[in-house]
PDB file of N, CA and C in Angstrom:
ATOM      1  N   MET A   1      81.376 116.839 110.575  1.00  0.00           N
ATOM      2  CA  MET A   1      82.078 117.315 109.440  1.00  0.00           C
ATOM      3  C   MET A   1      81.519 118.647 108.972  1.00  0.00           C
ATOM      4  N   LYS A   2      82.269 119.536 108.472  1.00  0.00           N
ATOM      5  CA  LYS A   2      81.858 120.812 107.970  1.00  0.00           C
ATOM      6  C   LYS A   2      81.055 120.596 106.631  1.00  0.00           C
ATOM      7  N   PRO A   3      79.920 121.121 106.460  1.00  0.00           N
ATOM      8  CA  PRO A   3      79.125 120.886 105.231  1.00  0.00           C
ATOM      9  C   PRO A   3      79.787 121.702 104.057  1.00  0.00           C
ATOM     10  N   GLY A   4      79.721 121.072 102.912  1.00  0.00           N
ATOM     11  CA  GLY A   4      80.153 121.840 101.743  1.00  0.00           C
ATOM     12  C   GLY A   4      81.631 121.672 101.323  1.00  0.00           C
ATOM     13  N   ILE A   5      82.510 121.077 102.200  1.00  0.00           N
ATOM     14  CA  ILE A   5      83.911 121.113 101.756  1.00  0.00           C
ATOM     15  C   ILE A   5      84.468 119.611 101.461  1.00  0.00           C
ATOM     16  N   HIS A   6      83.504 118.616 101.684  1.00  0.00           N
ATOM     17  CA  HIS A   6      83.984 117.277 101.445  1.00  0.00           C
ATOM     18  C   HIS A   6      83.327 116.810 100.113  1.00  0.00           C
ATOM     19  N   PRO A   7      84.043 115.959  99.301  1.00  0.00           N
ATOM     20  CA  PRO A   7      83.524 115.456  98.127  1.00  0.00           C
ATOM     21  C   PRO A   7      82.345 114.444  98.394  1.00  0.00           C
ATOM     22  N   ALA A   8      81.471 114.223  97.389  1.00  0.00           N
ATOM     23  CA  ALA A   8      80.324 113.269  97.615  1.00  0.00           C
ATOM     24  C   ALA A   8      80.903 111.873  97.796  1.00  0.00           C
ATOM     25  N   TYR A   9      80.400 111.110  98.721  1.00  0.00           N
ATOM     26  CA  TYR A   9      80.820 109.733  99.045  1.00  0.00           C
ATOM     27  C   TYR A   9      79.578 108.899  98.722  1.00  0.00           C
ATOM     28  N   GLY A  10      79.723 108.018  97.696  1.00  0.00           N
ATOM     29  CA  GLY A  10      78.745 107.068  97.284  1.00  0.00           C
ATOM     30  C   GLY A  10      79.244 105.821  96.633  1.00  0.00           C
ATOM     31  N   PRO A  11      78.335 104.996  96.125  1.00  0.00           N
ATOM     32  CA  PRO A  11      78.685 103.787  95.609  1.00  0.00           C
ATOM     33  C   PRO A  11      79.415 104.000  94.139  1.00  0.00           C
ATOM     34  N   VAL A  12      80.478 103.210  93.970  1.00  0.00           N
ATOM     35  CA  VAL A  12      81.369 103.297  92.778  1.00  0.00           C
ATOM     36  C   VAL A  12      81.813 101.865  92.435  1.00  0.00           C
ATOM     37  N   VAL A  13      81.831 101.583  91.098  1.00  0.00           N
ATOM     38  CA  VAL A  13      82.354 100.197  90.697  1.00  0.00           C
ATOM     39  C   VAL A  13      83.781 100.482  90.282  1.00  0.00           C
ATOM     40  N   PHE A  14      84.660  99.699  90.798  1.00  0.00           N
ATOM     41  CA  PHE A  14      86.063  99.665  90.264  1.00  0.00           C
ATOM     42  C   PHE A  14      86.332  98.426  89.444  1.00  0.00           C
ATOM     43  N   ARG A  15      86.714  98.687  88.144  1.00  0.00           N
ATOM     44  CA  ARG A  15      86.837  97.566  87.217  1.00  0.00           C
ATOM     45  C   ARG A  15      88.326  97.372  86.766  1.00  0.00           C
ATOM     46  N   ASP A  16      88.855  96.155  86.993  1.00  0.00           N
ATOM     47  CA  ASP A  16      90.333  95.769  86.594  1.00  0.00           C
ATOM     48  C   ASP A  16      90.234  95.331  85.294  1.00  0.00           C
ATOM     49  N   LYS A  17      90.754  96.133  84.275  1.00  0.00           N
ATOM     50  CA  LYS A  17      90.803  95.833  82.865  1.00  0.00           C
ATOM     51  C   LYS A  17      91.704  94.552  82.613  1.00  0.00           C
ATOM     52  N   ALA A  18      92.755  94.342  83.339  1.00  0.00           N
ATOM     53  CA  ALA A  18      93.689  93.161  83.088  1.00  0.00           C
ATOM     54  C   ALA A  18      93.022  91.848  83.465  1.00  0.00           C
ATOM     55  N   ALA A  19      92.283  91.903  84.536  1.00  0.00           N
ATOM     56  CA  ALA A  19      91.794  90.566  84.981  1.00  0.00           C
ATOM     57  C   ALA A  19      90.256  90.422  84.687  1.00  0.00           C
ATOM     58  N   GLY A  20      89.518  91.454  84.251  1.00  0.00           N
ATOM     59  CA  GLY A  20      88.181  91.342  83.978  1.00  0.00           C
ATOM     60  C   GLY A  20      87.375  91.214  85.344  1.00  0.00           C
ATOM     61  N   PHE A  21      87.856  91.842  86.337  1.00  0.00           N
ATOM     62  CA  PHE A  21      87.338  91.789  87.641  1.00  0.00           C
ATOM     63  C   PHE A  21      86.765  93.070  88.065  1.00  0.00           C
ATOM     64  N   ALA A  22      85.644  93.100  88.653  1.00  0.00           N
ATOM     65  CA  ALA A  22      84.980  94.382  89.149  1.00  0.00           C
ATOM     66  C   ALA A  22      84.440  94.218  90.491  1.00  0.00           C
ATOM     67  N   PHE A  23      84.392  95.249  91.330  1.00  0.00           N
ATOM     68  CA  PHE A  23      83.801  95.211  92.610  1.00  0.00           C
ATOM     69  C   PHE A  23      83.136  96.577  92.890  1.00  0.00           C
ATOM     70  N   LEU A  24      82.040  96.457  93.744  1.00  0.00           N
ATOM     71  CA  LEU A  24      81.328  97.616  94.107  1.00  0.00           C
ATOM     72  C   LEU A  24      81.708  98.051  95.534  1.00  0.00           C
ATOM     73  N   THR A  25      81.885  99.381  95.639  1.00  0.00           N
ATOM     74  CA  THR A  25      82.373  99.841  96.988  1.00  0.00           C
ATOM     75  C   THR A  25      81.851 101.289  97.113  1.00  0.00           C
ATOM     76  N   ARG A  26      82.113 101.829  98.181  1.00  0.00           N
ATOM     77  CA  ARG A  26      81.797 103.264  98.405  1.00  0.00           C
ATOM     78  C   ARG A  26      83.016 104.088  98.394  1.00  0.00           C
ATOM     79  N   SER A  27      83.136 105.223  97.601  1.00  0.00           N
ATOM     80  CA  SER A  27      84.347 105.962  97.445  1.00  0.00           C
ATOM     81  C   SER A  27      83.894 107.502  97.046  1.00  0.00           C
ATOM     82  N   THR A  28      84.900 108.254  97.051  1.00  0.00           N
ATOM     83  CA  THR A  28      84.640 109.646  96.586  1.00  0.00           C
ATOM     84  C   THR A  28      84.884 109.896  95.059  1.00  0.00           C
ATOM     85  N   PRO A  29      85.793 109.133  94.432  1.00  0.00           N
ATOM     86  CA  PRO A  29      85.885 109.521  92.973  1.00  0.00           C
ATOM     87  C   PRO A  29      84.714 109.200  92.145  1.00  0.00           C
ATOM     88  N   THR A  30      84.418 110.025  91.138  1.00  0.00           N
ATOM     89  CA  THR A  30      83.295 109.836  90.341  1.00  0.00           C
ATOM     90  C   THR A  30      83.782 109.753  88.870  1.00  0.00           C
ATOM     91  N   SER A  31      82.811 109.269  87.973  1.00  0.00           N
ATOM     92  CA  SER A  31      83.191 109.068  86.578  1.00  0.00           C
ATOM     93  C   SER A  31      81.944 109.421  85.728  1.00  0.00           C
ATOM     94  N   THR A  32      82.114 109.830  84.604  1.00  0.00           N
ATOM     95  CA  THR A  32      80.968 109.977  83.584  1.00  0.00           C
ATOM     96  C   THR A  32      80.604 108.675  82.967  1.00  0.00           C
ATOM     97  N   ASN A  33      81.440 107.708  83.063  1.00  0.00           N
ATOM     98  CA  ASN A  33      81.158 106.284  82.524  1.00  0.00           C
ATOM     99  C   ASN A  33      80.242 105.517  83.645  1.00  0.00           C
ATOM    100  N   THR A  34      79.299 104.804  83.158  1.00  0.00           N
ATOM    101  CA  THR A  34      78.477 104.078  84.075  1.00  0.00           C
ATOM    102  C   THR A  34      78.359 102.616  83.592  1.00  0.00           C
ATOM    103  N   VAL A  35      78.004 101.725  84.498  1.00  0.00           N
ATOM    104  CA  VAL A  35      77.889 100.374  84.307  1.00  0.00           C
ATOM    105  C   VAL A  35      76.678  99.847  85.085  1.00  0.00           C
ATOM    106  N   GLU A  36      75.949  98.938  84.491  1.00  0.00           N
ATOM    107  CA  GLU A  36      74.890  98.297  85.232  1.00  0.00           C
ATOM    108  C   GLU A  36      75.350  97.141  86.075  1.00  0.00           C
ATOM    109  N   TRP A  37      75.243  97.166  87.391  1.00  0.00           N
ATOM    110  CA  TRP A  37      75.630  96.266  88.324  1.00  0.00           C
ATOM    111  C   TRP A  37      74.792  95.027  88.435  1.00  0.00           C
ATOM    112  N   GLU A  38      75.128  93.987  89.143  1.00  0.00           N
ATOM    113  CA  GLU A  38      74.387  92.754  89.275  1.00  0.00           C
ATOM    114  C   GLU A  38      72.990  92.997  89.963  1.00  0.00           C
ATOM    115  N   ASP A  39      72.841  93.951  90.741  1.00  0.00           N
ATOM    116  CA  ASP A  39      71.700  94.203  91.483  1.00  0.00           C
ATOM    117  C   ASP A  39      70.743  95.057  90.567  1.00  0.00           C
ATOM    118  N   GLY A  40      70.976  95.384  89.218  1.00  0.00           N
ATOM    119  CA  GLY A  40      70.153  96.027  88.380  1.00  0.00           C
ATOM    120  C   GLY A  40      70.273  97.572  88.462  1.00  0.00           C
ATOM    121  N   ASN A  41      71.062  98.083  89.306  1.00  0.00           N
ATOM    122  CA  ASN A  41      71.289  99.596  89.443  1.00  0.00           C
ATOM    123  C   ASN A  41      72.440  99.959  88.531  1.00  0.00           C
ATOM    124  N   THR A  42      72.400 101.272  88.143  1.00  0.00           N
ATOM    125  CA  THR A  42      73.523 101.850  87.444  1.00  0.00           C
ATOM    126  C   THR A  42      74.473 102.606  88.268  1.00  0.00           C
ATOM    127  N   TYR A  43      75.786 102.345  88.315  1.00  0.00           N
ATOM    128  CA  TYR A  43      76.743 103.011  89.073  1.00  0.00           C
ATOM    129  C   TYR A  43      77.872 103.533  88.209  1.00  0.00           C
ATOM    130  N   PRO A  44      78.558 104.602  88.675  1.00  0.00           N
ATOM    131  CA  PRO A  44      79.717 105.136  87.981  1.00  0.00           C
ATOM    132  C   PRO A  44      80.840 104.094  88.024  1.00  0.00           C
ATOM    133  N   VAL A  45      81.588 103.914  86.960  1.00  0.00           N
ATOM    134  CA  VAL A  45      82.657 102.930  87.006  1.00  0.00           C
ATOM    135  C   VAL A  45      83.939 103.647  86.679  1.00  0.00           C
ATOM    136  N   ILE A  46      84.990 103.109  87.463  1.00  0.00           N
ATOM    137  CA  ILE A  46      86.380 103.658  87.297  1.00  0.00           C
ATOM    138  C   ILE A  46      87.312 102.426  86.899  1.00  0.00           C
ATOM    139  N   ASP A  47      87.788 102.608  85.714  1.00  0.00           N
ATOM    140  CA  ASP A  47      88.786 101.524  85.183  1.00  0.00           C
ATOM    141  C   ASP A  47      90.132 101.714  85.805  1.00  0.00           C
ATOM    142  N   VAL A  48      90.605 100.627  86.434  1.00  0.00           N
ATOM    143  CA  VAL A  48      91.991 100.590  86.975  1.00  0.00           C
ATOM    144  C   VAL A  48      92.774  99.670  86.170  1.00  0.00           C
ATOM    145  N   GLU A  49      94.194  99.846  86.179  1.00  0.00           N
ATOM    146  CA  GLU A  49      95.127  99.003  85.411  1.00  0.00           C
ATOM    147  C   GLU A  49      95.369  97.674  86.202  1.00  0.00           C
ATOM    148  N   ILE A  50      95.431  97.785  87.494  1.00  0.00           N
ATOM    149  CA  ILE A  50      95.808  96.660  88.339  1.00  0.00           C
ATOM    150  C   ILE A  50      95.030  96.632  89.599  1.00  0.00           C
ATOM    151  N   SER A  51      94.748  95.416  90.160  1.00  0.00           N
ATOM    152  CA  SER A  51      94.026  95.249  91.390  1.00  0.00           C
ATOM    153  C   SER A  51      94.530  94.035  92.010  1.00  0.00           C
ATOM    154  N   SER A  52      93.965  93.661  93.156  1.00  0.00           N
ATOM    155  CA  SER A  52      94.415  92.392  93.825  1.00  0.00           C
ATOM    156  C   SER A  52      94.210  91.165  93.012  1.00  0.00           C
ATOM    157  N   GLN A  53      93.358  91.163  91.994  1.00  0.00           N
ATOM    158  CA  GLN A  53      93.150  90.099  91.192  1.00  0.00           C
ATOM    159  C   GLN A  53      94.159  89.895  90.111  1.00  0.00           C
ATOM    160  N   SER A  54      94.934  90.883  89.761  1.00  0.00           N
ATOM    161  CA  SER A  54      95.910  90.841  88.627  1.00  0.00           C
ATOM    162  C   SER A  54      97.323  91.104  89.154  1.00  0.00           C
ATOM    163  N   HIS A  55      97.564  91.611  90.399  1.00  0.00           N
ATOM    164  CA  HIS A  55      98.858  92.043  90.900  1.00  0.00           C
ATOM    165  C   HIS A  55      99.714  90.847  91.123  1.00  0.00           C
ATOM    166  N   PRO A  56     100.887  90.793  90.766  1.00  0.00           N
ATOM    167  CA  PRO A  56     101.764  89.520  90.964  1.00  0.00           C
ATOM    168  C   PRO A  56     101.774  89.143  92.425  1.00  0.00           C
ATOM    169  N   PHE A  57     101.881  90.064  93.346  1.00  0.00           N
ATOM    170  CA  PHE A  57     102.103  89.722  94.809  1.00  0.00           C
ATOM    171  C   PHE A  57     100.972  88.870  95.255  1.00  0.00           C
ATOM    172  N   TYR A  58      99.718  89.271  94.857  1.00  0.00           N
ATOM    173  CA  TYR A  58      98.535  88.601  95.259  1.00  0.00           C
ATOM    174  C   TYR A  58      98.115  87.299  94.534  1.00  0.00           C
ATOM    175  N   THR A  59      98.717  87.191  93.338  1.00  0.00           N
ATOM    176  CA  THR A  59      98.327  86.087  92.596  1.00  0.00           C
ATOM    177  C   THR A  59      99.557  85.004  92.590  1.00  0.00           C
ATOM    178  N   ASP A  60     100.425  85.132  93.421  1.00  0.00           N
ATOM    179  CA  ASP A  60     101.645  84.196  93.637  1.00  0.00           C
ATOM    180  C   ASP A  60     102.385  83.974  92.347  1.00  0.00           C
ATOM    181  N   THR A  61     102.512  85.032  91.545  1.00  0.00           N
ATOM    182  CA  THR A  61     103.386  85.001  90.406  1.00  0.00           C
ATOM    183  C   THR A  61     104.565  85.963  90.479  1.00  0.00           C
ATOM    184  N   ALA A  62     104.753  86.379  91.710  1.00  0.00           N
ATOM    185  CA  ALA A  62     105.873  87.319  91.937  1.00  0.00           C
ATOM    186  C   ALA A  62     107.184  86.688  91.783  1.00  0.00           C
ATOM    187  N   ARG A  63     108.145  87.394  91.124  1.00  0.00           N
ATOM    188  CA  ARG A  63     109.481  86.974  91.033  1.00  0.00           C
ATOM    189  C   ARG A  63     110.364  87.373  92.202  1.00  0.00           C
ATOM    190  N   VAL A  64     111.225  86.364  92.649  1.00  0.00           N
ATOM    191  CA  VAL A  64     112.099  86.649  93.776  1.00  0.00           C
ATOM    192  C   VAL A  64     113.413  87.067  92.971  1.00  0.00           C
ATOM    193  N   LEU A  65     113.936  88.273  93.430  1.00  0.00           N
ATOM    194  CA  LEU A  65     115.118  88.893  92.793  1.00  0.00           C
ATOM    195  C   LEU A  65     116.336  88.363  93.652  1.00  0.00           C
ATOM    196  N   ASP A  66     117.337  88.042  92.999  1.00  0.00           N
ATOM    197  CA  ASP A  66     118.715  87.708  93.618  1.00  0.00           C
ATOM    198  C   ASP A  66     119.452  88.825  93.879  1.00  0.00           C
ATOM    199  N   THR A  67     119.145  89.410  95.100  1.00  0.00           N
ATOM    200  CA  THR A  67     119.940  90.696  95.461  1.00  0.00           C
ATOM    201  C   THR A  67     121.348  90.464  95.738  1.00  0.00           C
ATOM    202  N   ALA A  68     121.831  89.281  96.267  1.00  0.00           N
ATOM    203  CA  ALA A  68     123.207  89.146  96.508  1.00  0.00           C
ATOM    204  C   ALA A  68     123.918  89.000  95.136  1.00  0.00           C
ATOM    205  N   GLY A  69     123.377  88.389  94.199  1.00  0.00           N
ATOM    206  CA  GLY A  69     123.998  88.346  92.780  1.00  0.00           C
ATOM    207  C   GLY A  69     124.158  89.696  92.201  1.00  0.00           C
ATOM    208  N   ARG A  70     123.150  90.673  92.460  1.00  0.00           N
ATOM    209  CA  ARG A  70     123.261  91.847  91.855  1.00  0.00           C
ATOM    210  C   ARG A  70     124.310  92.696  92.544  1.00  0.00           C
ATOM    211  N   VAL A  71     124.415  92.511  93.803  1.00  0.00           N
ATOM    212  CA  VAL A  71     125.500  93.276  94.552  1.00  0.00           C
ATOM    213  C   VAL A  71     126.990  92.840  94.105  1.00  0.00           C
ATOM    214  N   GLU A  72     127.122  91.493  93.952  1.00  0.00           N
ATOM    215  CA  GLU A  72     128.429  90.977  93.427  1.00  0.00           C
ATOM    216  C   GLU A  72     128.661  91.385  92.087  1.00  0.00           C
ATOM    217  N   ARG A  73     127.614  91.461  91.159  1.00  0.00           N
ATOM    218  CA  ARG A  73     127.925  91.886  89.814  1.00  0.00           C
ATOM    219  C   ARG A  73     128.187  93.422  89.831  1.00  0.00           C
ATOM    220  N   PHE A  74     127.596  94.210  90.599  1.00  0.00           N
ATOM    221  CA  PHE A  74     128.004  95.581  90.692  1.00  0.00           C
ATOM    222  C   PHE A  74     129.337  95.737  91.165  1.00  0.00           C
ATOM    223  N   GLN A  75     129.838  95.018  92.201  1.00  0.00           N
ATOM    224  CA  GLN A  75     131.230  95.138  92.683  1.00  0.00           C
ATOM    225  C   GLN A  75     132.159  94.676  91.624  1.00  0.00           C
ATOM    226  N   ARG A  76     131.868  93.628  90.892  1.00  0.00           N
ATOM    227  CA  ARG A  76     132.805  93.138  89.819  1.00  0.00           C
ATOM    228  C   ARG A  76     132.881  94.239  88.686  1.00  0.00           C
ATOM    229  N   ARG A  77     131.779  94.810  88.454  1.00  0.00           N
ATOM    230  CA  ARG A  77     131.759  95.856  87.387  1.00  0.00           C
ATOM    231  C   ARG A  77     132.507  97.077  87.770  1.00  0.00           C
ATOM    232  N   TYR A  78     132.182  97.584  88.925  1.00  0.00           N
ATOM    233  CA  TYR A  78     132.766  98.854  89.294  1.00  0.00           C
ATOM    234  C   TYR A  78     133.817  98.799  90.454  1.00  0.00           C
ATOM    235  N   GLY A  79     134.070  97.702  90.861  1.00  0.00           N
ATOM    236  CA  GLY A  79     135.194  97.602  91.976  1.00  0.00           C
ATOM    237  C   GLY A  79     134.722  97.972  93.308  1.00  0.00           C
ATOM    238  N   SER A  80     135.453  97.612  94.279  1.00  0.00           N
ATOM    239  CA  SER A  80     135.202  97.947  95.631  1.00  0.00           C
ATOM    240  C   SER A  80     135.965  99.207  96.092  1.00  0.00           C
ATOM    241  N   THR A  81     135.341 100.060  96.847  1.00  0.00           N
ATOM    242  CA  THR A  81     136.068 101.351  97.086  1.00  0.00           C
ATOM    243  C   THR A  81     136.870 101.186  98.445  1.00  0.00           C
ATOM    244  N   ALA A  82     136.733 100.119  99.092  1.00  0.00           N
ATOM    245  CA  ALA A  82     137.524  99.854 100.265  1.00  0.00           C
ATOM    246  C   ALA A  82     138.973  99.585 100.080  1.00  0.00           C
TER     247      ALA A  82
END
């Protein structure tokens, strides 16, 4: 890699505000906010709105949409062009 053109790559904590879940990983984003992690070290923290711990798809709370009903309702409302 060319030196000087890539952002710094280091440990960062991502914290899901909705689920109260946090995980430590390596990434390029940085933050001025810090948090003391379980190992006693201080890392930059990035707050996210949603993660796999709070997303409906991963938590099995996703709703199944009735697409056939939506199409029929659209055709009743606006008619068929054929």
